Amino acid sequence: MSELTKHILVTGGTGYIGSHTTVELLQEGYRVTIADDLSNSRAEVVDAVGEITGKRPAFVNVDLCNKDAVDALFKANSFDAIIHFAAHKQVGESVTAPLKYYRNNLTGLINLVEASLTSGTTRMVFSSSCTVYGQPDRLPVDENSPVRQPESPYGNTKKIAEEILRDAAAAYAALKVISLRYFNPVGAHNSSLIGEYPIGPPQNLMPVLTQLAIGKRNSMEVFGDDYNTPDGSCIRDYIHVVDLAKAHVVAIRRLLSASNSDAFETFNLGTGKGLSVLEVIRAFEEVNGVKLNYRISGRRPGDVEQIYGSTEKANTVLGWKAELNLNEMVKSAWAWEKMLDKKEKSKNTASL
């Protein structure tokens, strides 16, 4: 079997990053099966991925917390590698409902690893987060920076998940894992057929901006203007989701070619540049020609003041580098929101 006909399981593949990664995998010639319980995504994404690539991924509706269902998935399929995205991901909600996050994010991971070891699928790319660094002492953070107690239960599930995978890779010689620590993904595919499409009120900055601009929201809050940053708002390392997706393909290729140097490897994925919330808002307004109605409010529990990463390791070892800039991020996100609005208005007209 050639490298490019291998079968990749993408958990959470109808979600935001998962769908973009599925597109990149299919365009590189891999076979893809998506496993998702659709708790925070939509089945129609599978059709959109097929429209973009001309290849429809297989889809299985499965809750990874259901061990029997996970075992059945692996018995029915032969996978060469796994990319694991499926997890609850709202920082604010995790603060108020921590047990929901620990149960879902960690039980699902353990079930997945056990099934993968039993089936002989021993290559995994894990969707981690820069939240594992907590509030860093120095910037930019690199992969050798201390992993601290995260500011939220969501972040803590990523930290614990990495510990589980590191320990499993040490205990089971066949298991090889690459953990990709994302910074803040934004933007959408240039087709405007897939993008960030949360069920319920969005918590991430960019969909809040696009929904405000399109009229789905009347106003928005900027959480804090009294941080120790140039304009007082939080600073993050925003990365275009397409750049992020391409890094997963590179990581899969590294594992399948046995090019990894350790059983458990970590890589930061970002641009290496910090941008404040207010800077992103201003760029959105300028590039897209819209005015946003926002107000400053108090700090939000669980938020880190500022974080951005060194991507030197990913650049040199993986040979990957982010290419798309902030203007392209806000432009593609706005195009996606306008496409959504057009589809919704078309549906409403058809139902009259």
Protein backbone atom coordinates (compact mmCIF):
# COMPACT_ATOMS: atom_id res chain seq x y z
CA MET A 1 0.00 0.00 0.00
CA SER A 2 1.42 3.38 -0.97
CA GLU A 3 1.73 6.22 1.51
CA LEU A 4 -1.06 8.17 -0.13
CA THR A 5 -3.68 5.41 -0.12
CA LYS A 6 -3.52 4.87 3.60
CA HIS A 7 -6.64 5.12 5.71
CA ILE A 8 -6.85 7.88 8.33
CA LEU A 9 -9.45 8.01 11.11
CA VAL A 10 -10.34 11.63 11.93
CA THR A 11 -12.29 11.91 15.17
CA GLY A 12 -14.28 15.12 15.41
CA GLY A 13 -13.88 15.44 11.66
CA THR A 14 -17.09 17.42 11.10
CA GLY A 15 -15.85 20.11 13.47
CA TYR A 16 -13.98 23.26 12.57
CA ILE A 17 -10.35 22.12 12.45
CA GLY A 18 -11.29 18.51 11.71
CA SER A 19 -13.19 19.38 8.54
CA HIS A 20 -10.37 21.54 7.18
CA THR A 21 -7.86 18.79 7.96
CA THR A 22 -10.05 16.22 6.23
CA VAL A 23 -10.01 18.40 3.12
CA GLU A 24 -6.22 18.57 3.15
CA LEU A 25 -5.89 14.81 3.70
CA LEU A 26 -8.24 13.98 0.84
CA GLN A 27 -6.47 16.41 -1.47
CA GLU A 28 -3.20 14.64 -0.66
CA GLY A 29 -4.73 11.29 -1.65
CA TYR A 30 -5.42 9.73 1.75
CA ARG A 31 -8.60 7.80 2.50
CA VAL A 32 -10.53 9.33 5.40
CA THR A 33 -13.19 8.10 7.78
CA ILE A 34 -14.74 10.73 10.04
CA ALA A 35 -16.00 9.66 13.47
CA ASP A 36 -18.13 12.31 15.18
CA ASP A 37 -21.15 12.39 17.49
CA LEU A 38 -22.33 15.71 15.97
CA SER A 39 -22.71 17.23 19.45
CA ASN A 40 -21.13 20.48 18.26
CA SER A 41 -21.08 20.11 14.49
CA ARG A 42 -23.32 19.29 11.55
CA ALA A 43 -23.57 16.28 9.24
CA GLU A 44 -23.84 18.58 6.20
CA VAL A 45 -20.12 19.30 6.59
CA VAL A 46 -19.42 15.87 5.07
CA ASP A 47 -21.20 16.98 1.89
CA ALA A 48 -19.26 20.26 1.84
CA VAL A 49 -15.93 18.42 2.17
CA GLY A 50 -16.97 16.19 -0.71
CA GLU A 51 -17.87 19.21 -2.82
CA ILE A 52 -14.50 20.85 -2.20
CA THR A 53 -12.38 17.76 -2.87
CA GLY A 54 -14.51 15.67 -5.21
CA LYS A 55 -14.07 12.81 -2.72
CA ARG A 56 -16.63 12.12 -0.02
CA PRO A 57 -15.13 10.89 3.26
CA ALA A 58 -16.78 8.00 5.05
CA PHE A 59 -18.75 9.06 8.11
CA VAL A 60 -19.64 7.19 11.31
CA ASN A 61 -21.75 8.72 14.07
CA VAL A 62 -20.05 7.54 17.25
CA ASP A 63 -19.63 8.80 20.81
CA LEU A 64 -16.05 8.03 21.86
CA CYS A 65 -17.21 7.74 25.48
CA ASN A 66 -19.13 4.62 24.42
CA LYS A 67 -16.40 1.99 24.60
CA ASP A 68 -18.44 -0.67 22.79
CA ALA A 69 -19.12 1.72 19.91
CA VAL A 70 -15.43 2.63 19.65
CA ASP A 71 -14.40 -1.03 19.66
CA ALA A 72 -16.97 -1.76 16.95
CA LEU A 73 -15.59 1.09 14.82
CA PHE A 74 -12.11 -0.43 14.88
CA LYS A 75 -13.40 -3.96 14.24
CA ALA A 76 -15.26 -2.76 11.16
CA ASN A 77 -12.34 -0.79 9.71
CA SER A 78 -8.61 -1.02 9.20
CA PHE A 79 -6.96 2.32 9.96
CA ASP A 80 -3.34 3.23 9.40
CA ALA A 81 -3.36 6.30 11.65
CA ILE A 82 -5.60 8.50 13.75
CA ILE A 83 -6.00 12.25 14.10
CA HIS A 84 -7.87 12.90 17.33
CA PHE A 85 -9.82 16.16 17.48
CA ALA A 86 -13.03 15.10 19.24
CA ALA A 87 -13.42 17.01 22.52
CA HIS A 88 -15.49 19.65 24.23
CA LYS A 89 -13.59 22.90 23.80
CA GLN A 90 -15.27 25.95 25.36
CA VAL A 91 -13.01 27.50 27.99
CA GLY A 92 -15.80 29.38 29.78
CA GLU A 93 -18.16 26.41 29.90
CA SER A 94 -15.39 24.19 31.26
CA VAL A 95 -15.06 26.51 34.26
CA THR A 96 -18.74 26.11 35.14
CA ALA A 97 -19.11 22.44 34.09
CA PRO A 98 -15.69 20.84 34.72
CA LEU A 99 -16.94 17.27 35.18
CA LYS A 100 -18.53 17.35 31.72
CA TYR A 101 -15.12 18.18 30.25
CA TYR A 102 -13.11 15.65 32.24
CA ARG A 103 -15.60 12.86 31.49
CA ASN A 104 -15.86 13.54 27.77
CA ASN A 105 -12.34 14.57 26.83
CA LEU A 106 -10.44 11.98 28.86
CA THR A 107 -12.77 8.97 28.73
CA GLY A 108 -13.04 9.31 24.98
CA LEU A 109 -9.27 9.47 24.62
CA ILE A 110 -8.67 6.39 26.78
CA ASN A 111 -11.27 4.38 24.84
CA LEU A 112 -9.66 5.47 21.58
CA VAL A 113 -6.13 4.53 22.64
CA GLU A 114 -7.22 1.14 23.98
CA ALA A 115 -9.06 0.33 20.74
CA SER A 116 -6.14 1.52 18.64
CA LEU A 117 -3.67 -0.67 20.50
CA THR A 118 -5.94 -3.71 20.25
CA SER A 119 -6.38 -3.18 16.50
CA GLY A 120 -2.74 -2.39 15.78
CA THR A 121 -3.40 1.22 14.75
CA THR A 122 -0.43 2.70 16.53
CA ARG A 123 0.12 6.11 14.92
CA MET A 124 -1.77 9.09 16.38
CA VAL A 125 -1.74 12.84 15.96
CA PHE A 126 -3.33 14.54 18.96
CA SER A 127 -5.08 17.89 18.92
CA SER A 128 -3.56 19.70 21.88
CA SER A 129 -3.42 23.35 22.84
CA CYS A 130 -1.14 26.13 23.99
CA THR A 131 -3.30 26.19 27.12
CA VAL A 132 -0.96 23.50 28.52
CA TYR A 133 1.57 26.30 29.13
CA GLY A 134 -0.81 28.14 31.46
CA GLN A 135 0.26 31.71 32.15
CA PRO A 136 3.86 31.64 30.85
CA ASP A 137 6.79 33.36 32.56
CA ARG A 138 8.45 34.25 29.27
CA LEU A 139 7.44 34.74 25.67
CA PRO A 140 7.46 33.30 23.13
CA VAL A 141 6.81 29.87 24.63
CA ASP A 142 8.57 26.92 23.02
CA GLU A 143 8.15 23.17 23.46
CA ASN A 144 10.66 23.20 26.34
CA SER A 145 8.69 25.81 28.27
CA PRO A 146 7.21 24.49 31.51
CA VAL A 147 3.83 22.80 31.25
CA ARG A 148 1.94 24.48 34.06
CA GLN A 149 -1.43 24.16 35.71
CA PRO A 150 -3.76 25.52 33.01
CA GLU A 151 -6.15 28.38 33.71
CA SER A 152 -9.26 26.30 32.88
CA PRO A 153 -10.54 22.72 33.15
CA TYR A 154 -10.58 22.60 29.34
CA GLY A 155 -6.87 23.38 29.28
CA ASN A 156 -6.29 20.84 32.03
CA THR A 157 -7.91 18.10 29.94
CA LYS A 158 -5.33 18.82 27.23
CA LYS A 159 -2.51 18.68 29.76
CA ILE A 160 -3.76 15.40 31.26
CA ALA A 161 -4.39 13.95 27.79
CA GLU A 162 -0.77 14.63 26.84
CA GLU A 163 0.36 12.89 30.05
CA ILE A 164 -1.83 9.87 29.22
CA LEU A 165 -0.41 9.67 25.70
CA ARG A 166 3.19 10.16 26.84
CA ASP A 167 2.83 7.40 29.44
CA ALA A 168 1.08 5.09 26.97
CA ALA A 169 3.78 5.65 24.34
CA ALA A 170 6.41 4.79 26.97
CA ALA A 171 4.57 1.64 28.05
CA TYR A 172 3.58 0.29 24.62
CA ALA A 173 6.51 0.22 22.24
CA ALA A 174 4.39 0.26 19.09
CA LEU A 175 2.51 3.46 19.96
CA LYS A 176 3.85 6.66 18.36
CA VAL A 177 2.21 10.02 19.03
CA ILE A 178 2.65 13.59 17.82
CA SER A 179 0.90 16.20 19.94
CA LEU A 180 0.25 19.45 18.10
CA ARG A 181 -0.14 22.41 20.44
CA TYR A 182 -2.32 24.94 18.67
CA PHE A 183 -2.49 28.58 19.31
CA ASN A 184 -5.72 30.31 18.12
CA PRO A 185 -7.17 29.04 14.83
CA VAL A 186 -9.31 31.45 12.84
CA GLY A 187 -10.48 31.95 9.26
CA ALA A 188 -12.14 29.59 6.80
CA HIS A 189 -11.49 27.63 3.62
CA ASN A 190 -11.27 29.86 0.55
CA SER A 191 -14.25 28.05 -1.00
CA SER A 192 -16.45 29.43 1.81
CA LEU A 193 -18.00 25.95 2.01
CA ILE A 194 -16.59 25.12 5.46
CA GLY A 195 -15.63 27.29 8.40
CA GLU A 196 -16.21 27.82 12.10
CA TYR A 197 -19.90 27.06 12.70
CA PRO A 198 -20.60 26.58 16.41
CA ILE A 199 -23.88 25.22 17.69
CA GLY A 200 -25.16 27.75 20.18
CA PRO A 201 -23.55 31.08 21.07
CA PRO A 202 -19.89 31.18 19.98
CA GLN A 203 -17.16 31.67 22.55
CA ASN A 204 -14.19 32.21 20.23
CA LEU A 205 -13.38 35.68 18.98
CA MET A 206 -13.73 35.34 15.21
CA PRO A 207 -17.24 33.84 14.99
CA VAL A 208 -18.38 36.47 17.49
CA LEU A 209 -17.00 39.16 15.17
CA THR A 210 -18.58 37.68 12.05
CA GLN A 211 -21.97 37.18 13.71
CA LEU A 212 -21.85 40.75 14.97
CA ALA A 213 -20.98 42.06 11.52
CA ILE A 214 -23.79 40.11 9.82
CA GLY A 215 -26.39 41.23 12.36
CA LYS A 216 -26.90 38.01 14.33
CA ARG A 217 -25.63 39.83 17.43
CA ASN A 218 -26.28 43.40 18.52
CA SER A 219 -23.02 43.89 20.40
CA MET A 220 -20.03 42.07 21.80
CA GLU A 221 -17.82 42.26 24.86
CA VAL A 222 -14.06 42.59 24.93
CA PHE A 223 -13.10 40.85 28.15
CA GLY A 224 -10.72 43.22 29.90
CA ASP A 225 -8.74 46.29 28.88
CA ASP A 226 -6.53 46.39 31.96
CA TYR A 227 -4.10 43.57 31.18
CA ASN A 228 -0.39 44.30 31.04
CA THR A 229 -0.40 44.53 27.24
CA PRO A 230 0.06 47.53 24.87
CA ASP A 231 -3.69 48.20 24.52
CA GLY A 232 -4.88 46.38 27.67
CA SER A 233 -6.63 43.51 25.87
CA CYS A 234 -5.51 39.88 25.81
CA ILE A 235 -2.85 38.84 23.30
CA ARG A 236 -3.00 35.60 21.33
CA ASP A 237 -1.20 33.96 18.44
CA TYR A 238 -3.86 33.70 15.72
CA ILE A 239 -3.27 31.14 12.97
CA HIS A 240 -5.27 30.50 9.80
CA VAL A 241 -7.13 27.19 10.07
CA VAL A 242 -5.91 26.08 6.62
CA ASP A 243 -2.28 26.48 7.72
CA LEU A 244 -3.14 24.48 10.83
CA ALA A 245 -4.81 21.73 8.81
CA LYS A 246 -1.79 21.37 6.55
CA ALA A 247 0.41 20.78 9.59
CA HIS A 248 -1.64 17.69 10.45
CA VAL A 249 -0.92 16.18 7.06
CA VAL A 250 2.79 16.80 7.60
CA ALA A 251 2.57 15.15 11.05
CA ILE A 252 0.75 12.11 9.67
CA ARG A 253 3.36 11.74 6.96
CA ARG A 254 6.10 11.91 9.61
CA LEU A 255 4.50 9.10 11.63
CA LEU A 256 3.69 6.85 8.66
CA SER A 257 7.24 7.15 7.34
CA ALA A 258 8.66 6.42 10.82
CA SER A 259 10.57 9.71 10.71
CA ASN A 260 9.68 10.63 14.28
CA SER A 261 12.64 10.83 16.64
CA ASP A 262 10.71 9.96 19.82
CA ALA A 263 7.65 7.91 20.71
CA PHE A 264 5.92 11.10 21.91
CA GLU A 265 6.69 14.41 20.22
CA THR A 266 5.25 17.89 20.69
CA PHE A 267 5.13 20.80 18.25
CA ASN A 268 3.78 24.34 18.61
CA LEU A 269 1.57 25.49 15.74
CA GLY A 270 1.14 29.23 15.38
CA THR A 271 2.58 32.21 13.56
CA GLY A 272 4.98 33.17 16.32
CA LYS A 273 3.41 36.63 16.53
CA GLY A 274 1.08 37.92 19.24
CA LEU A 275 -1.95 40.03 18.34
CA SER A 276 -4.36 41.67 20.77
CA VAL A 277 -8.11 41.27 20.68
CA LEU A 278 -8.47 44.94 19.79
CA GLU A 279 -5.93 44.62 16.96
CA VAL A 280 -7.96 41.78 15.44
CA ILE A 281 -11.15 43.80 15.73
CA ARG A 282 -9.54 46.77 13.98
CA ALA A 283 -8.17 44.55 11.19
CA PHE A 284 -11.60 42.98 10.68
CA GLU A 285 -13.20 46.41 10.37
CA GLU A 286 -10.56 47.74 8.00
CA VAL A 287 -10.22 44.74 5.67
CA ASN A 288 -13.94 44.02 5.43
CA GLY A 289 -15.23 47.58 5.50
CA VAL A 290 -17.59 47.09 8.43
CA LYS A 291 -18.02 48.78 11.80
CA LEU A 292 -18.39 46.57 14.87
CA ASN A 293 -20.36 47.47 17.99
CA TYR A 294 -18.28 46.29 20.93
CA ARG A 295 -17.83 47.32 24.55
CA ILE A 296 -15.21 46.66 27.17
CA SER A 297 -16.23 44.46 30.11
CA GLY A 298 -14.48 42.72 32.99
CA ARG A 299 -11.96 39.94 32.65
CA ARG A 300 -13.31 36.45 31.83
CA PRO A 301 -12.46 33.56 34.19
CA GLY A 302 -9.93 31.16 32.68
CA ASP A 303 -8.35 33.62 30.24
CA VAL A 304 -4.56 33.89 30.02
CA GLU A 305 -3.25 37.45 29.71
CA GLN A 306 -0.98 36.87 26.74
CA ILE A 307 0.56 33.96 24.93
CA TYR A 308 2.27 33.42 21.63
CA GLY A 309 4.65 30.72 20.61
CA SER A 310 7.97 29.94 19.06
CA THR A 311 7.34 27.79 15.98
CA GLU A 312 11.01 27.18 15.22
CA LYS A 313 10.75 23.45 15.98
CA ALA A 314 7.79 22.95 13.64
CA ASN A 315 9.51 25.06 10.99
CA THR A 316 12.78 23.11 11.10
CA VAL A 317 11.79 19.58 12.13
CA LEU A 318 8.42 19.27 10.40
CA GLY A 319 9.28 21.61 7.56
CA TRP A 320 5.99 23.42 8.13
CA LYS A 321 5.36 27.15 8.41
CA ALA A 322 2.24 29.30 8.64
CA GLU A 323 1.79 31.25 5.41
CA LEU A 324 -1.54 33.11 5.65
CA ASN A 325 -1.66 36.52 7.37
CA LEU A 326 -4.22 38.31 9.55
CA ASN A 327 -5.87 40.05 6.58
CA GLU A 328 -6.49 36.67 4.95
CA MET A 329 -7.83 35.31 8.25
CA VAL A 330 -10.44 38.04 8.72
CA LYS A 331 -11.33 38.17 5.01
CA SER A 332 -11.99 34.42 4.74
CA ALA A 333 -13.94 34.35 8.02
CA TRP A 334 -16.21 37.15 6.80
CA ALA A 335 -16.72 35.48 3.40
CA TRP A 336 -17.74 32.28 5.22
CA GLU A 337 -20.24 34.13 7.43
CA LYS A 338 -21.80 35.83 4.40
CA MET A 339 -22.12 32.46 2.66
CA LEU A 340 -23.86 31.04 5.75
CA ASP A 341 -26.24 33.99 5.80
CA LYS A 342 -27.02 33.53 2.11
CA LYS A 343 -27.80 29.84 2.66
CA GLU A 344 -30.03 30.55 5.63
CA LYS A 345 -31.98 33.21 3.75
CA SER A 346 -32.36 30.82 0.80
CA LYS A 347 -33.76 28.12 3.11
CA ASN A 348 -36.19 30.56 4.68
CA THR A 349 -37.39 31.73 1.27
CA ALA A 350 -37.86 28.14 0.09
CA SER A 351 -39.95 27.29 3.14
CA LEU A 352 -42.42 30.15 2.54
